[in-house]
Amino acid sequence: MSASDTAVVWRFLDGRTGHENQVLALSEAIARRRNCRFYDISVNAAPISLSQSAVSTNHGCHLLPTPHLLIGAGHRTHIPMLLARRRFGGKAVVLMKPTLPCHFFDACLIPHHDSVWITHAGVLRTQGVLHRVRPSDRLCPRTGLMLIGGHSRHFDWDSQTVAVQAHRLITQTPVTWTVAISRRTPPDFLQHLYSHPATATISAGTLPASELLTLMNTAGRIAVTCDSMSMITESLSSGAAVSLIRMPLSKSCRISRELSRLVRTGRFLEQSDKQVSPSLPTQAPVSESDRCAAFIDQMLPQLPEILPQSADYRRALAGVPV
């Protein structure tokens, strides 16, 4: 296959795992549609001036193939990406509500919970931030995954209250649960969790990203604390039956309003529901990354849409072209 048959994608990475995972999710979705080569540009250090940003952006970029597409997430990526587009060409796509006006970019993929009052052909509203979880046909109805968050600005965390709900799910559902905690989870949560005899054989702790992704693609039932919209949207996208582990709301905000909307649409099981069929809830899951890739694909030149062989995207994020 010749280089002319390949879409060249420059990825602007700010060093934040959450942002880079969004870029990775879109990259994988685009690569499922057409042959691509990815090149990563680090913008870890915020430039102190526009001229410094221009120097930083141009450094080394002239050695790369001319881009068809430039994508980035995180405010630090905005100016470097726009400067690179001005000099080298391509279409600029930002995976968030940008700091700059939306019409500065060719496309903005903006989560539904971010308020945007602008009609722009390049704006696509998404259900939460992009992620790598896709609807799966390999869900095991007796495998369960609990995603436990922690302190947040929007909800009042109480380890005992969360543990009580976890106990209820463990004892009332015929499911083998794995409990995944996050860096935000207070240490006393596990103490409260293991205070119940039914949790003696439960696996609980932090999980490597690869293991967590595998579990999310196989668990027929997922329970998730309501403090993280990203964990919630990932869970709903898997096709599993999802329960909310609820916490008191500390203040009304865009996150809580979006969560209320999802609750009203019947996307969650009640914790007391012993039904474990992964077909619940009834709404079919949608891969937001694939939907966004189809939207972005319209901007790319009419290259042959050839499904590429699997690539090691971790090497790409480490700076090695795929």
Protein backbone atom coordinates (compact mmCIF):
# COMPACT_ATOMS: atom_id res chain seq x y z
CA MET A 1 0.00 0.00 0.00
CA SER A 2 1.44 3.35 -1.00
CA ALA A 3 1.79 6.38 1.25
CA SER A 4 -0.79 8.18 -0.89
CA ASP A 5 -3.40 5.66 0.29
CA THR A 6 -2.84 6.58 3.93
CA ALA A 7 -4.37 9.36 6.01
CA VAL A 8 -1.71 11.18 8.03
CA VAL A 9 -2.92 12.15 11.51
CA TRP A 10 -0.99 14.42 13.86
CA ARG A 11 -1.98 13.95 17.50
CA PHE A 12 -1.31 16.76 19.97
CA LEU A 13 -0.79 15.35 23.48
CA ASP A 14 -0.65 17.40 26.67
CA GLY A 15 0.58 14.64 28.99
CA ARG A 16 -2.74 14.20 30.82
CA THR A 17 -3.95 10.59 30.76
CA GLY A 18 -7.63 11.49 30.43
CA HIS A 19 -7.03 13.76 27.43
CA GLU A 20 -4.69 11.32 25.74
CA ASN A 21 -7.18 8.47 26.17
CA GLN A 22 -9.78 10.56 24.33
CA VAL A 23 -7.34 11.14 21.48
CA LEU A 24 -6.50 7.44 21.48
CA ALA A 25 -10.17 6.46 21.36
CA LEU A 26 -10.82 8.64 18.31
CA SER A 27 -7.59 7.44 16.68
CA GLU A 28 -8.63 3.81 17.03
CA ALA A 29 -12.10 4.56 15.66
CA ILE A 30 -10.70 6.40 12.61
CA ALA A 31 -8.24 3.54 12.01
CA ARG A 32 -11.18 1.13 11.92
CA ARG A 33 -12.50 3.05 8.94
CA ARG A 34 -9.36 3.74 6.87
CA ASN A 35 -5.64 3.19 6.74
CA CYS A 36 -3.81 5.75 8.90
CA ARG A 37 -0.42 6.73 10.18
CA PHE A 38 -0.25 8.57 13.49
CA TYR A 39 2.42 11.01 14.64
CA ASP A 40 2.45 12.38 18.18
CA ILE A 41 3.45 15.92 19.11
CA SER A 42 4.01 16.70 22.78
CA VAL A 43 2.74 20.00 24.15
CA ASN A 44 3.38 19.21 27.82
CA ALA A 45 4.81 22.64 28.67
CA ALA A 46 2.39 25.53 28.29
CA PRO A 47 4.09 28.26 26.20
CA ILE A 48 4.48 31.64 27.81
CA SER A 49 3.83 33.54 24.60
CA LEU A 50 2.33 33.09 21.15
CA SER A 51 5.77 33.38 19.53
CA GLN A 52 7.18 30.69 21.81
CA SER A 53 4.21 28.49 20.96
CA ALA A 54 4.94 28.96 17.26
CA VAL A 55 8.58 27.98 17.72
CA SER A 56 7.63 24.95 19.82
CA THR A 57 4.98 23.83 17.34
CA ASN A 58 7.22 24.18 14.30
CA HIS A 59 10.17 22.40 15.92
CA GLY A 60 10.49 18.98 14.30
CA CYS A 61 7.11 19.13 12.57
CA HIS A 62 8.68 19.91 9.19
CA LEU A 63 10.19 16.42 9.27
CA LEU A 64 6.77 14.76 9.40
CA PRO A 65 4.48 13.94 6.45
CA THR A 66 1.96 16.68 5.69
CA PRO A 67 -1.10 16.06 7.87
CA HIS A 68 -4.62 15.40 6.68
CA LEU A 69 -5.93 15.66 10.23
CA LEU A 70 -4.78 17.28 13.48
CA ILE A 71 -6.51 16.20 16.69
CA GLY A 72 -6.06 17.15 20.33
CA ALA A 73 -7.76 17.36 23.71
CA GLY A 74 -6.89 19.78 26.48
CA HIS A 75 -6.62 23.55 26.45
CA ARG A 76 -2.84 23.49 25.97
CA THR A 77 -3.25 21.83 22.58
CA HIS A 78 -5.42 24.57 21.06
CA ILE A 79 -2.88 27.15 19.93
CA PRO A 80 -0.14 24.68 18.87
CA MET A 81 -2.69 22.77 16.80
CA LEU A 82 -4.02 25.91 15.10
CA LEU A 83 -0.50 27.19 14.36
CA ALA A 84 0.43 23.82 12.89
CA ARG A 85 -2.65 23.85 10.68
CA ARG A 86 -1.81 27.34 9.44
CA ARG A 87 1.70 26.32 8.43
CA PHE A 88 1.27 22.69 7.37
CA GLY A 89 -2.41 22.36 6.45
CA GLY A 90 -4.94 19.71 7.42
CA LYS A 91 -8.17 19.81 9.40
CA ALA A 92 -8.05 20.67 13.11
CA VAL A 93 -10.32 18.73 15.48
CA VAL A 94 -10.61 19.43 19.21
CA LEU A 95 -12.16 16.87 21.56
CA MET A 96 -13.77 19.22 24.08
CA LYS A 97 -15.50 22.55 24.45
CA PRO A 98 -12.61 24.77 23.36
CA THR A 99 -11.35 27.86 25.13
CA LEU A 100 -11.27 29.63 21.78
CA PRO A 101 -14.37 30.12 19.60
CA CYS A 102 -15.61 26.91 17.98
CA HIS A 103 -15.34 28.31 14.46
CA PHE A 104 -11.55 28.52 14.88
CA PHE A 105 -11.52 24.74 14.44
CA ASP A 106 -12.77 22.54 11.64
CA ALA A 107 -14.58 20.31 14.14
CA CYS A 108 -15.34 20.33 17.86
CA LEU A 109 -16.52 17.14 19.56
CA ILE A 110 -18.22 18.51 22.68
CA PRO A 111 -19.81 16.46 25.49
CA HIS A 112 -23.53 17.00 25.87
CA HIS A 113 -23.16 18.23 29.46
CA ASP A 114 -21.03 21.19 28.28
CA SER A 115 -23.32 24.06 27.37
CA VAL A 116 -22.69 25.36 23.86
CA TRP A 117 -25.12 27.84 22.35
CA ILE A 118 -23.73 27.99 18.84
CA THR A 119 -24.82 26.51 15.54
CA HIS A 120 -21.72 25.47 13.67
CA ALA A 121 -21.50 22.69 11.10
CA GLY A 122 -18.31 21.44 12.72
CA VAL A 123 -19.80 20.98 16.20
CA LEU A 124 -20.88 17.46 17.17
CA ARG A 125 -22.40 16.86 20.59
CA THR A 126 -21.30 13.63 22.26
CA GLN A 127 -22.66 11.53 25.13
CA GLY A 128 -19.83 12.21 27.55
CA VAL A 129 -16.15 12.31 26.67
CA LEU A 130 -14.76 9.87 24.13
CA HIS A 131 -13.42 6.58 25.45
CA ARG A 132 -12.21 3.19 24.25
CA VAL A 133 -15.11 1.07 25.52
CA ARG A 134 -17.28 -0.29 22.70
CA PRO A 135 -20.54 -2.26 22.68
CA SER A 136 -19.63 -5.89 23.20
CA ASP A 137 -21.30 -9.18 22.30
CA ARG A 138 -19.11 -11.07 24.78
CA LEU A 139 -20.82 -9.94 27.99
CA CYS A 140 -21.03 -12.51 30.76
CA PRO A 141 -24.27 -12.01 32.78
CA ARG A 142 -22.72 -13.41 35.98
CA THR A 143 -19.62 -11.21 35.87
CA GLY A 144 -19.89 -7.83 37.57
CA LEU A 145 -17.65 -4.78 37.83
CA MET A 146 -17.94 -2.00 40.41
CA LEU A 147 -16.31 1.31 39.53
CA ILE A 148 -15.65 3.34 42.68
CA GLY A 149 -14.71 7.01 42.46
CA GLY A 150 -14.11 9.32 45.39
CA HIS A 151 -14.19 12.92 46.53
CA SER A 152 -15.50 15.39 43.95
CA ARG A 153 -16.74 18.96 43.77
CA HIS A 154 -20.28 17.90 42.94
CA PHE A 155 -21.11 15.05 45.33
CA ASP A 156 -20.62 14.49 49.07
CA TRP A 157 -18.55 11.36 49.49
CA ASP A 158 -19.13 9.03 52.44
CA SER A 159 -17.23 5.73 52.38
CA GLN A 160 -19.69 3.92 54.63
CA THR A 161 -22.70 4.93 52.52
CA VAL A 162 -21.00 3.74 49.34
CA ALA A 163 -19.88 0.49 51.01
CA VAL A 164 -23.43 -0.24 52.20
CA GLN A 165 -24.70 0.00 48.62
CA ALA A 166 -21.84 -2.20 47.45
CA HIS A 167 -22.75 -4.79 50.11
CA ARG A 168 -26.36 -4.74 48.94
CA LEU A 169 -25.35 -5.47 45.35
CA ILE A 170 -22.94 -8.22 46.38
CA THR A 171 -25.50 -10.02 48.55
CA GLN A 172 -28.62 -9.52 46.43
CA THR A 173 -27.34 -10.32 42.92
CA PRO A 174 -26.06 -13.69 41.65
CA VAL A 175 -22.96 -12.02 40.22
CA THR A 176 -19.23 -12.41 40.85
CA TRP A 177 -18.05 -8.87 41.44
CA THR A 178 -14.69 -7.18 40.96
CA VAL A 179 -14.32 -3.81 42.70
CA ALA A 180 -12.10 -1.27 40.95
CA ILE A 181 -11.14 1.77 43.02
CA SER A 182 -9.57 4.97 41.71
CA ARG A 183 -6.85 7.30 42.91
CA ARG A 184 -9.60 9.48 44.40
CA THR A 185 -11.05 6.68 46.55
CA PRO A 186 -10.43 7.32 50.28
CA PRO A 187 -8.48 4.53 52.03
CA ASP A 188 -11.27 3.87 54.52
CA PHE A 189 -13.62 2.70 51.76
CA LEU A 190 -11.94 -0.71 51.57
CA GLN A 191 -12.11 -0.98 55.36
CA HIS A 192 -15.87 -0.46 55.25
CA LEU A 193 -16.22 -2.77 52.25
CA TYR A 194 -14.41 -5.69 53.90
CA SER A 195 -16.31 -5.24 57.16
CA HIS A 196 -19.13 -7.33 55.66
CA PRO A 197 -18.66 -11.13 55.64
CA ALA A 198 -19.98 -11.42 52.06
CA THR A 199 -16.99 -9.46 50.76
CA ALA A 200 -14.33 -11.85 52.04
CA THR A 201 -13.67 -13.28 48.56
CA ILE A 202 -14.24 -10.05 46.61
CA SER A 203 -11.32 -8.78 44.54
CA ALA A 204 -10.89 -5.05 45.21
CA GLY A 205 -8.17 -2.54 44.36
CA THR A 206 -6.78 -0.42 41.57
CA LEU A 207 -6.57 -2.16 38.20
CA PRO A 208 -4.20 -1.60 35.26
CA ALA A 209 -5.90 0.22 32.40
CA SER A 210 -5.69 -2.81 30.10
CA GLU A 211 -7.32 -5.12 32.67
CA LEU A 212 -10.04 -2.58 33.41
CA LEU A 213 -10.84 -2.23 29.71
CA THR A 214 -11.07 -6.01 29.35
CA LEU A 215 -13.47 -6.24 32.29
CA MET A 216 -15.64 -3.44 30.91
CA ASN A 217 -15.90 -5.34 27.63
CA THR A 218 -16.97 -8.58 29.33
CA ALA A 219 -18.95 -7.70 32.49
CA GLY A 220 -22.67 -8.23 32.07
CA ARG A 221 -23.41 -5.96 35.02
CA ILE A 222 -21.64 -2.77 36.09
CA ALA A 223 -22.21 -0.62 39.16
CA VAL A 224 -20.68 2.85 39.15
CA THR A 225 -20.55 5.72 41.62
CA CYS A 226 -22.30 8.84 40.38
CA ASP A 227 -19.34 11.20 40.85
CA SER A 228 -17.66 10.44 37.50
CA MET A 229 -19.46 11.15 34.24
CA SER A 230 -16.66 9.50 32.28
CA MET A 231 -17.07 6.21 34.22
CA ILE A 232 -20.83 6.40 33.71
CA THR A 233 -20.66 6.94 29.95
CA GLU A 234 -18.07 4.17 29.59
CA SER A 235 -20.33 1.80 31.48
CA LEU A 236 -23.40 2.65 29.41
CA SER A 237 -21.45 2.22 26.19
CA SER A 238 -20.45 -1.35 27.01
CA GLY A 239 -23.98 -2.72 26.71
CA ALA A 240 -23.94 -4.01 30.30
CA ALA A 241 -26.81 -3.56 32.73
CA VAL A 242 -25.69 -0.53 34.76
CA SER A 243 -26.61 0.42 38.34
CA LEU A 244 -25.81 3.73 40.00
CA ILE A 245 -24.18 3.88 43.41
CA ARG A 246 -25.70 7.10 44.63
CA MET A 247 -24.27 9.88 46.79
CA PRO A 248 -25.77 13.15 48.07
CA LEU A 249 -25.48 16.05 45.66
CA SER A 250 -23.43 18.92 47.06
CA LYS A 251 -24.47 21.44 44.41
CA SER A 252 -26.41 21.54 41.19
CA CYS A 253 -24.18 21.63 38.13
CA ARG A 254 -23.99 20.55 34.52
CA ILE A 255 -22.79 17.08 35.60
CA SER A 256 -25.74 16.52 37.92
CA ARG A 257 -28.20 17.80 35.31
CA GLU A 258 -26.84 15.40 32.70
CA LEU A 259 -26.98 12.56 35.20
CA SER A 260 -30.59 13.42 36.02
CA ARG A 261 -31.41 13.33 32.31
CA LEU A 262 -29.89 9.86 31.97
CA VAL A 263 -31.82 8.63 35.01
CA ARG A 264 -35.11 9.95 33.58
CA THR A 265 -34.50 8.11 30.30
CA GLY A 266 -34.31 4.80 32.16
CA ARG A 267 -30.67 4.02 31.47
CA PHE A 268 -30.00 2.48 34.88
CA LEU A 269 -31.19 -0.55 36.84
CA GLU A 270 -32.38 -0.21 40.39
CA GLN A 271 -29.92 -1.78 42.80
CA SER A 272 -32.58 -4.16 44.07
CA ASP A 273 -33.20 -5.54 40.59
CA LYS A 274 -31.78 -9.06 40.46
CA GLN A 275 -32.16 -9.24 36.70
CA VAL A 276 -28.66 -9.64 35.28
CA SER A 277 -29.38 -9.77 31.58
CA PRO A 278 -26.90 -7.50 29.76
CA SER A 279 -29.72 -6.52 27.41
CA LEU A 280 -30.92 -4.12 30.11
CA PRO A 281 -31.43 -1.25 29.83
CA THR A 282 -33.43 -1.54 26.64
CA GLN A 283 -31.71 1.30 24.77
CA ALA A 284 -29.03 -0.05 22.45
CA PRO A 285 -25.54 1.18 23.32
CA VAL A 286 -23.81 3.41 20.82
CA SER A 287 -20.08 3.72 20.26
CA GLU A 288 -19.53 7.47 20.44
CA SER A 289 -15.97 7.11 19.16
CA ASP A 290 -17.21 5.35 16.02
CA ARG A 291 -19.96 7.93 15.53
CA CYS A 292 -17.41 10.74 15.82
CA ALA A 293 -15.01 8.96 13.47
CA ALA A 294 -17.76 8.79 10.84
CA PHE A 295 -18.32 12.54 11.31
CA ILE A 296 -14.60 13.31 10.99
CA ASP A 297 -14.18 10.93 8.06
CA GLN A 298 -16.14 13.32 5.87
CA MET A 299 -13.32 15.85 6.23
CA LEU A 300 -10.59 13.53 5.02
CA PRO A 301 -9.62 13.11 1.37
CA GLN A 302 -11.22 10.29 -0.57
CA LEU A 303 -8.61 7.67 0.22
CA PRO A 304 -9.34 3.95 -0.02
CA GLU A 305 -11.21 2.84 3.12
CA ILE A 306 -9.16 -0.24 3.96
CA LEU A 307 -9.39 -1.86 7.37
CA PRO A 308 -5.80 -1.90 8.66
CA GLN A 309 -4.20 -4.70 10.59
CA SER A 310 -4.16 -4.29 14.34
CA ALA A 311 -1.53 -1.83 15.58
CA ASP A 312 0.11 -1.27 18.93
CA TYR A 313 -1.40 2.06 19.89
CA ARG A 314 0.54 2.18 23.15
CA ARG A 315 3.69 2.51 21.04
CA ALA A 316 2.03 5.40 19.25
CA LEU A 317 1.26 7.20 22.50
CA ALA A 318 4.89 6.66 23.48
CA GLY A 319 5.87 8.67 20.40
CA VAL A 320 6.51 5.85 17.91
CA PRO A 321 4.53 6.24 14.65
CA VAL A 322 2.06 3.41 14.03
